[in-house]
């Protein structure tokens, strides 16, 4: 990620004041849980079916990963 997208994401997260609840341990746990939920979309599907994931399905993983950086 780079540029304006980063700024918009961080501004939105800052305005929600979520950072007060986040620490590396809880973020790592949440990221792992969300990644497992994402993997469920691939279970028992062919590659073409699995590739059709919507961007909003990975939003939580992205947010947790950004907070961990």
PDB file of N, CA and C in Angstrom:
ATOM      1  N   UNK A   1       0.840  -1.181   0.000  1.00  0.00           N
ATOM      2  CA  UNK A   1       0.000   0.000   0.000  1.00  0.00           C
ATOM      3  C   UNK A   1       0.877   1.234   0.000  1.00  0.00           C
ATOM      4  N   UNK A   2       0.372   2.274  -0.623  1.00  0.00           N
ATOM      5  CA  UNK A   2       1.137   3.504  -0.624  1.00  0.00           C
ATOM      6  C   UNK A   2       0.236   4.671  -0.957  1.00  0.00           C
ATOM      7  N   UNK A   3       0.708   5.846  -0.599  1.00  0.00           N
ATOM      8  CA  UNK A   3       0.035   7.060  -1.005  1.00  0.00           C
ATOM      9  C   UNK A   3      -1.252   7.342  -0.267  1.00  0.00           C
ATOM     10  N   UNK A   4      -2.209   7.912  -0.998  1.00  0.00           N
ATOM     11  CA  UNK A   4      -3.463   8.384  -0.431  1.00  0.00           C
ATOM     12  C   UNK A   4      -4.262   7.281   0.246  1.00  0.00           C
ATOM     13  N   UNK A   5      -4.211   6.075  -0.292  1.00  0.00           N
ATOM     14  CA  UNK A   5      -4.938   4.964   0.315  1.00  0.00           C
ATOM     15  C   UNK A   5      -4.510   4.713   1.749  1.00  0.00           C
ATOM     16  N   UNK A   6      -3.190   4.763   1.991  1.00  0.00           N
ATOM     17  CA  UNK A   6      -2.680   4.613   3.358  1.00  0.00           C
ATOM     18  C   UNK A   6      -3.249   5.683   4.261  1.00  0.00           C
ATOM     19  N   UNK A   7      -3.192   6.917   3.793  1.00  0.00           N
ATOM     20  CA  UNK A   7      -3.649   8.038   4.608  1.00  0.00           C
ATOM     21  C   UNK A   7      -5.122   7.916   4.955  1.00  0.00           C
ATOM     22  N   UNK A   8      -5.948   7.528   3.989  1.00  0.00           N
ATOM     23  CA  UNK A   8      -7.383   7.381   4.238  1.00  0.00           C
ATOM     24  C   UNK A   8      -7.652   6.272   5.250  1.00  0.00           C
ATOM     25  N   UNK A   9      -6.944   5.152   5.107  1.00  0.00           N
ATOM     26  CA  UNK A   9      -7.131   4.035   6.025  1.00  0.00           C
ATOM     27  C   UNK A   9      -6.734   4.425   7.437  1.00  0.00           C
ATOM     28  N   UNK A  10      -5.567   5.038   7.590  1.00  0.00           N
ATOM     29  CA  UNK A  10      -5.121   5.423   8.921  1.00  0.00           C
ATOM     30  C   UNK A  10      -6.017   6.485   9.535  1.00  0.00           C
ATOM     31  N   UNK A  11      -6.506   7.413   8.730  1.00  0.00           N
ATOM     32  CA  UNK A  11      -7.411   8.436   9.240  1.00  0.00           C
ATOM     33  C   UNK A  11      -8.706   7.804   9.733  1.00  0.00           C
ATOM     34  N   UNK A  12      -9.259   6.884   8.963  1.00  0.00           N
ATOM     35  CA  UNK A  12     -10.496   6.214   9.373  1.00  0.00           C
ATOM     36  C   UNK A  12     -10.285   5.426  10.661  1.00  0.00           C
ATOM     37  N   UNK A  13      -9.175   4.721  10.760  1.00  0.00           N
ATOM     38  CA  UNK A  13      -8.896   3.941  11.967  1.00  0.00           C
ATOM     39  C   UNK A  13      -8.663   4.852  13.168  1.00  0.00           C
ATOM     40  N   UNK A  14      -7.982   5.967  12.942  1.00  0.00           N
ATOM     41  CA  UNK A  14      -7.718   6.919  14.023  1.00  0.00           C
ATOM     42  C   UNK A  14      -9.028   7.514  14.532  1.00  0.00           C
ATOM     43  N   UNK A  15      -9.906   7.873  13.618  1.00  0.00           N
ATOM     44  CA  UNK A  15     -11.176   8.479  14.010  1.00  0.00           C
ATOM     45  C   UNK A  15     -12.037   7.511  14.818  1.00  0.00           C
ATOM     46  N   UNK A  16     -11.898   6.225  14.571  1.00  0.00           N
ATOM     47  CA  UNK A  16     -12.641   5.221  15.339  1.00  0.00           C
ATOM     48  C   UNK A  16     -12.023   4.987  16.712  1.00  0.00           C
ATOM     49  N   UNK A  17     -10.804   5.472  16.901  1.00  0.00           N
ATOM     50  CA  UNK A  17     -10.066   5.330  18.164  1.00  0.00           C
ATOM     51  C   UNK A  17      -9.848   3.867  18.542  1.00  0.00           C
ATOM     52  N   UNK A  18      -9.696   3.015  17.531  1.00  0.00           N
ATOM     53  CA  UNK A  18      -9.486   1.598  17.789  1.00  0.00           C
ATOM     54  C   UNK A  18      -8.124   1.307  18.385  1.00  0.00           C
ATOM     55  N   UNK A  19      -7.147   2.174  18.128  1.00  0.00           N
ATOM     56  CA  UNK A  19      -5.786   1.872  18.566  1.00  0.00           C
ATOM     57  C   UNK A  19      -5.682   1.713  20.082  1.00  0.00           C
ATOM     58  N   UNK A  20      -6.604   2.276  20.819  1.00  0.00           N
ATOM     59  CA  UNK A  20      -6.563   2.155  22.274  1.00  0.00           C
ATOM     60  C   UNK A  20      -6.807   0.714  22.740  1.00  0.00           C
ATOM     61  N   UNK A  21      -7.399  -0.110  21.900  1.00  0.00           N
ATOM     62  CA  UNK A  21      -7.699  -1.487  22.253  1.00  0.00           C
ATOM     63  C   UNK A  21      -6.705  -2.492  21.682  1.00  0.00           C
ATOM     64  N   UNK A  22      -5.767  -2.015  20.871  1.00  0.00           N
ATOM     65  CA  UNK A  22      -4.894  -2.923  20.139  1.00  0.00           C
ATOM     66  C   UNK A  22      -3.511  -3.036  20.749  1.00  0.00           C
ATOM     67  N   UNK A  23      -3.044  -4.247  20.823  1.00  0.00           N
ATOM     68  CA  UNK A  23      -1.672  -4.524  21.215  1.00  0.00           C
ATOM     69  C   UNK A  23      -1.201  -5.651  20.292  1.00  0.00           C
ATOM     70  N   UNK A  24       0.109  -5.846  20.160  1.00  0.00           N
ATOM     71  CA  UNK A  24       0.605  -6.838  19.201  1.00  0.00           C
ATOM     72  C   UNK A  24       0.027  -8.238  19.389  1.00  0.00           C
ATOM     73  N   UNK A  25      -0.129  -8.695  20.619  1.00  0.00           N
ATOM     74  CA  UNK A  25      -0.659 -10.043  20.860  1.00  0.00           C
ATOM     75  C   UNK A  25      -2.077 -10.179  20.332  1.00  0.00           C
ATOM     76  N   UNK A  26      -2.948  -9.251  20.694  1.00  0.00           N
ATOM     77  CA  UNK A  26      -4.342  -9.331  20.273  1.00  0.00           C
ATOM     78  C   UNK A  26      -4.492  -9.132  18.762  1.00  0.00           C
ATOM     79  N   UNK A  27      -3.660  -8.260  18.200  1.00  0.00           N
ATOM     80  CA  UNK A  27      -3.702  -8.057  16.753  1.00  0.00           C
ATOM     81  C   UNK A  27      -3.289  -9.324  16.009  1.00  0.00           C
ATOM     82  N   UNK A  28      -2.248  -9.987  16.491  1.00  0.00           N
ATOM     83  CA  UNK A  28      -1.780 -11.219  15.845  1.00  0.00           C
ATOM     84  C   UNK A  28      -2.848 -12.316  15.944  1.00  0.00           C
ATOM     85  N   UNK A  29      -3.492 -12.424  17.087  1.00  0.00           N
ATOM     86  CA  UNK A  29      -4.560 -13.412  17.260  1.00  0.00           C
ATOM     87  C   UNK A  29      -5.715 -13.103  16.309  1.00  0.00           C
ATOM     88  N   UNK A  30      -6.131 -11.844  16.264  1.00  0.00           N
ATOM     89  CA  UNK A  30      -7.239 -11.446  15.396  1.00  0.00           C
ATOM     90  C   UNK A  30      -6.904 -11.662  13.930  1.00  0.00           C
ATOM     91  N   UNK A  31      -5.678 -11.368  13.549  1.00  0.00           N
ATOM     92  CA  UNK A  31      -5.257 -11.570  12.166  1.00  0.00           C
ATOM     93  C   UNK A  31      -5.313 -13.052  11.805  1.00  0.00           C
ATOM     94  N   UNK A  32      -4.887 -13.899  12.709  1.00  0.00           N
ATOM     95  CA  UNK A  32      -4.928 -15.340  12.471  1.00  0.00           C
ATOM     96  C   UNK A  32      -6.361 -15.841  12.330  1.00  0.00           C
ATOM     97  N   UNK A  33      -7.245 -15.367  13.175  1.00  0.00           N
ATOM     98  CA  UNK A  33      -8.653 -15.767  13.108  1.00  0.00           C
ATOM     99  C   UNK A  33      -9.270 -15.319  11.787  1.00  0.00           C
ATOM    100  N   UNK A  34      -9.025 -14.071  11.409  1.00  0.00           N
ATOM    101  CA  UNK A  34      -9.584 -13.553  10.162  1.00  0.00           C
ATOM    102  C   UNK A  34      -9.006 -14.283   8.954  1.00  0.00           C
ATOM    103  N   UNK A  35      -7.723 -14.627   9.004  1.00  0.00           N
ATOM    104  CA  UNK A  35      -7.102 -15.369   7.897  1.00  0.00           C
ATOM    105  C   UNK A  35      -7.736 -16.747   7.762  1.00  0.00           C
ATOM    106  N   UNK A  36      -8.064 -17.372   8.889  1.00  0.00           N
ATOM    107  CA  UNK A  36      -8.740 -18.674   8.844  1.00  0.00           C
ATOM    108  C   UNK A  36     -10.114 -18.550   8.207  1.00  0.00           C
ATOM    109  N   UNK A  37     -10.815 -17.480   8.533  1.00  0.00           N
ATOM    110  CA  UNK A  37     -12.125 -17.259   7.927  1.00  0.00           C
ATOM    111  C   UNK A  37     -11.988 -17.054   6.416  1.00  0.00           C
ATOM    112  N   UNK A  38     -10.934 -16.376   5.998  1.00  0.00           N
ATOM    113  CA  UNK A  38     -10.681 -16.184   4.571  1.00  0.00           C
ATOM    114  C   UNK A  38     -10.402 -17.516   3.885  1.00  0.00           C
ATOM    115  N   UNK A  39      -9.660 -18.383   4.555  1.00  0.00           N
ATOM    116  CA  UNK A  39      -9.351 -19.691   3.976  1.00  0.00           C
ATOM    117  C   UNK A  39     -10.598 -20.536   3.747  1.00  0.00           C
ATOM    118  N   UNK A  40     -11.618 -20.332   4.564  1.00  0.00           N
ATOM    119  CA  UNK A  40     -12.861 -21.073   4.379  1.00  0.00           C
ATOM    120  C   UNK A  40     -13.457 -20.835   2.987  1.00  0.00           C
ATOM    121  N   UNK A  41     -13.190 -19.670   2.419  1.00  0.00           N
ATOM    122  CA  UNK A  41     -13.690 -19.365   1.080  1.00  0.00           C
ATOM    123  C   UNK A  41     -13.054 -20.249   0.019  1.00  0.00           C
ATOM    124  N   UNK A  42     -11.879 -20.792   0.302  1.00  0.00           N
ATOM    125  CA  UNK A  42     -11.162 -21.624  -0.651  1.00  0.00           C
ATOM    126  C   UNK A  42     -11.459 -23.114  -0.474  1.00  0.00           C
ATOM    127  N   UNK A  43     -11.980 -23.478   0.681  1.00  0.00           N
ATOM    128  CA  UNK A  43     -12.201 -24.883   0.988  1.00  0.00           C
ATOM    129  C   UNK A  43     -13.209 -25.504   0.034  1.00  0.00           C
ATOM    130  N   UNK A  44     -12.825 -26.606  -0.563  1.00  0.00           N
ATOM    131  CA  UNK A  44     -13.673 -27.404  -1.438  1.00  0.00           C
ATOM    132  C   UNK A  44     -14.090 -26.680  -2.713  1.00  0.00           C
ATOM    133  N   UNK A  45     -13.323 -25.692  -3.121  1.00  0.00           N
ATOM    134  CA  UNK A  45     -13.624 -24.977  -4.357  1.00  0.00           C
ATOM    135  C   UNK A  45     -12.475 -25.112  -5.329  1.00  0.00           C
ATOM    136  N   UNK A  46     -12.784 -25.029  -6.589  1.00  0.00           N
ATOM    137  CA  UNK A  46     -11.733 -25.028  -7.613  1.00  0.00           C
ATOM    138  C   UNK A  46     -11.060 -23.658  -7.627  1.00  0.00           C
ATOM    139  N   UNK A  47      -9.918 -23.572  -8.245  1.00  0.00           N
ATOM    140  CA  UNK A  47      -9.192 -22.310  -8.308  1.00  0.00           C
ATOM    141  C   UNK A  47     -10.015 -21.176  -8.912  1.00  0.00           C
ATOM    142  N   UNK A  48     -10.702 -21.391 -10.044  1.00  0.00           N
ATOM    143  CA  UNK A  48     -11.489 -20.289 -10.605  1.00  0.00           C
ATOM    144  C   UNK A  48     -12.572 -19.772  -9.649  1.00  0.00           C
ATOM    145  N   UNK A  49     -13.199 -20.679  -8.911  1.00  0.00           N
ATOM    146  CA  UNK A  49     -14.220 -20.251  -7.955  1.00  0.00           C
ATOM    147  C   UNK A  49     -13.596 -19.435  -6.822  1.00  0.00           C
ATOM    148  N   UNK A  50     -12.479 -19.898  -6.331  1.00  0.00           N
ATOM    149  CA  UNK A  50     -11.831 -19.258  -5.191  1.00  0.00           C
ATOM    150  C   UNK A  50     -11.290 -17.880  -5.535  1.00  0.00           C
ATOM    151  N   UNK A  51     -10.908 -17.670  -6.779  1.00  0.00           N
ATOM    152  CA  UNK A  51     -10.316 -16.398  -7.188  1.00  0.00           C
ATOM    153  C   UNK A  51     -11.346 -15.276  -7.186  1.00  0.00           C
ATOM    154  N   UNK A  52     -12.605 -15.608  -7.197  1.00  0.00           N
ATOM    155  CA  UNK A  52     -13.646 -14.592  -7.281  1.00  0.00           C
ATOM    156  C   UNK A  52     -13.996 -13.969  -5.927  1.00  0.00           C
ATOM    157  N   UNK A  53     -13.044 -13.895  -5.025  1.00  0.00           N
ATOM    158  CA  UNK A  53     -13.294 -13.276  -3.725  1.00  0.00           C
ATOM    159  C   UNK A  53     -13.477 -11.771  -3.887  1.00  0.00           C
ATOM    160  N   UNK A  54     -14.327 -11.214  -3.078  1.00  0.00           N
ATOM    161  CA  UNK A  54     -14.534  -9.768  -3.097  1.00  0.00           C
ATOM    162  C   UNK A  54     -13.496  -9.093  -2.217  1.00  0.00           C
ATOM    163  N   UNK A  55     -13.148  -7.885  -2.580  1.00  0.00           N
ATOM    164  CA  UNK A  55     -12.142  -7.142  -1.826  1.00  0.00           C
ATOM    165  C   UNK A  55     -12.557  -6.921  -0.375  1.00  0.00           C
ATOM    166  N   UNK A  56     -13.835  -6.741  -0.122  1.00  0.00           N
ATOM    167  CA  UNK A  56     -14.272  -6.486   1.249  1.00  0.00           C
ATOM    168  C   UNK A  56     -14.077  -7.693   2.155  1.00  0.00           C
ATOM    169  N   UNK A  57     -13.891  -8.861   1.584  1.00  0.00           N
ATOM    170  CA  UNK A  57     -13.665 -10.055   2.396  1.00  0.00           C
ATOM    171  C   UNK A  57     -12.265 -10.069   3.007  1.00  0.00           C
ATOM    172  N   UNK A  58     -11.358  -9.276   2.501  1.00  0.00           N
ATOM    173  CA  UNK A  58     -10.013  -9.247   3.068  1.00  0.00           C
ATOM    174  C   UNK A  58      -9.732  -7.939   3.806  1.00  0.00           C
ATOM    175  N   UNK A  59     -10.745  -7.116   3.982  1.00  0.00           N
ATOM    176  CA  UNK A  59     -10.557  -5.824   4.649  1.00  0.00           C
ATOM    177  C   UNK A  59     -10.071  -5.984   6.090  1.00  0.00           C
ATOM    178  N   UNK A  60     -10.664  -6.895   6.832  1.00  0.00           N
ATOM    179  CA  UNK A  60     -10.256  -7.075   8.232  1.00  0.00           C
ATOM    180  C   UNK A  60      -8.801  -7.506   8.333  1.00  0.00           C
ATOM    181  N   UNK A  61      -8.392  -8.436   7.465  1.00  0.00           N
ATOM    182  CA  UNK A  61      -7.004  -8.890   7.494  1.00  0.00           C
ATOM    183  C   UNK A  61      -6.060  -7.731   7.199  1.00  0.00           C
ATOM    184  N   UNK A  62      -6.429  -6.911   6.247  1.00  0.00           N
ATOM    185  CA  UNK A  62      -5.604  -5.768   5.882  1.00  0.00           C
ATOM    186  C   UNK A  62      -5.471  -4.787   7.043  1.00  0.00           C
ATOM    187  N   UNK A  63      -6.576  -4.510   7.694  1.00  0.00           N
ATOM    188  CA  UNK A  63      -6.555  -3.560   8.809  1.00  0.00           C
ATOM    189  C   UNK A  63      -5.670  -4.071   9.946  1.00  0.00           C
ATOM    190  N   UNK A  64      -5.831  -5.336  10.321  1.00  0.00           N
ATOM    191  CA  UNK A  64      -4.995  -5.891  11.389  1.00  0.00           C
ATOM    192  C   UNK A  64      -3.519  -5.882  10.997  1.00  0.00           C
ATOM    193  N   UNK A  65      -3.228  -6.217   9.753  1.00  0.00           N
ATOM    194  CA  UNK A  65      -1.835  -6.226   9.288  1.00  0.00           C
ATOM    195  C   UNK A  65      -1.247  -4.824   9.302  1.00  0.00           C
ATOM    196  N   UNK A  66      -2.036  -3.837   8.936  1.00  0.00           N
ATOM    197  CA  UNK A  66      -1.552  -2.448   8.938  1.00  0.00           C
ATOM    198  C   UNK A  66      -1.241  -2.012  10.368  1.00  0.00           C
ATOM    199  N   UNK A  67      -2.105  -2.356  11.304  1.00  0.00           N
ATOM    200  CA  UNK A  67      -1.863  -2.009  12.695  1.00  0.00           C
ATOM    201  C   UNK A  67      -0.602  -2.671  13.241  1.00  0.00           C
ATOM    202  N   UNK A  68      -0.269  -3.864  12.754  1.00  0.00           N
ATOM    203  CA  UNK A  68       0.918  -4.573  13.225  1.00  0.00           C
ATOM    204  C   UNK A  68       2.219  -4.022  12.662  1.00  0.00           C
ATOM    205  N   UNK A  69       2.147  -3.255  11.598  1.00  0.00           N
ATOM    206  CA  UNK A  69       3.390  -2.798  10.966  1.00  0.00           C
ATOM    207  C   UNK A  69       4.161  -1.837  11.805  1.00  0.00           C
TER     208      UNK A  69
END
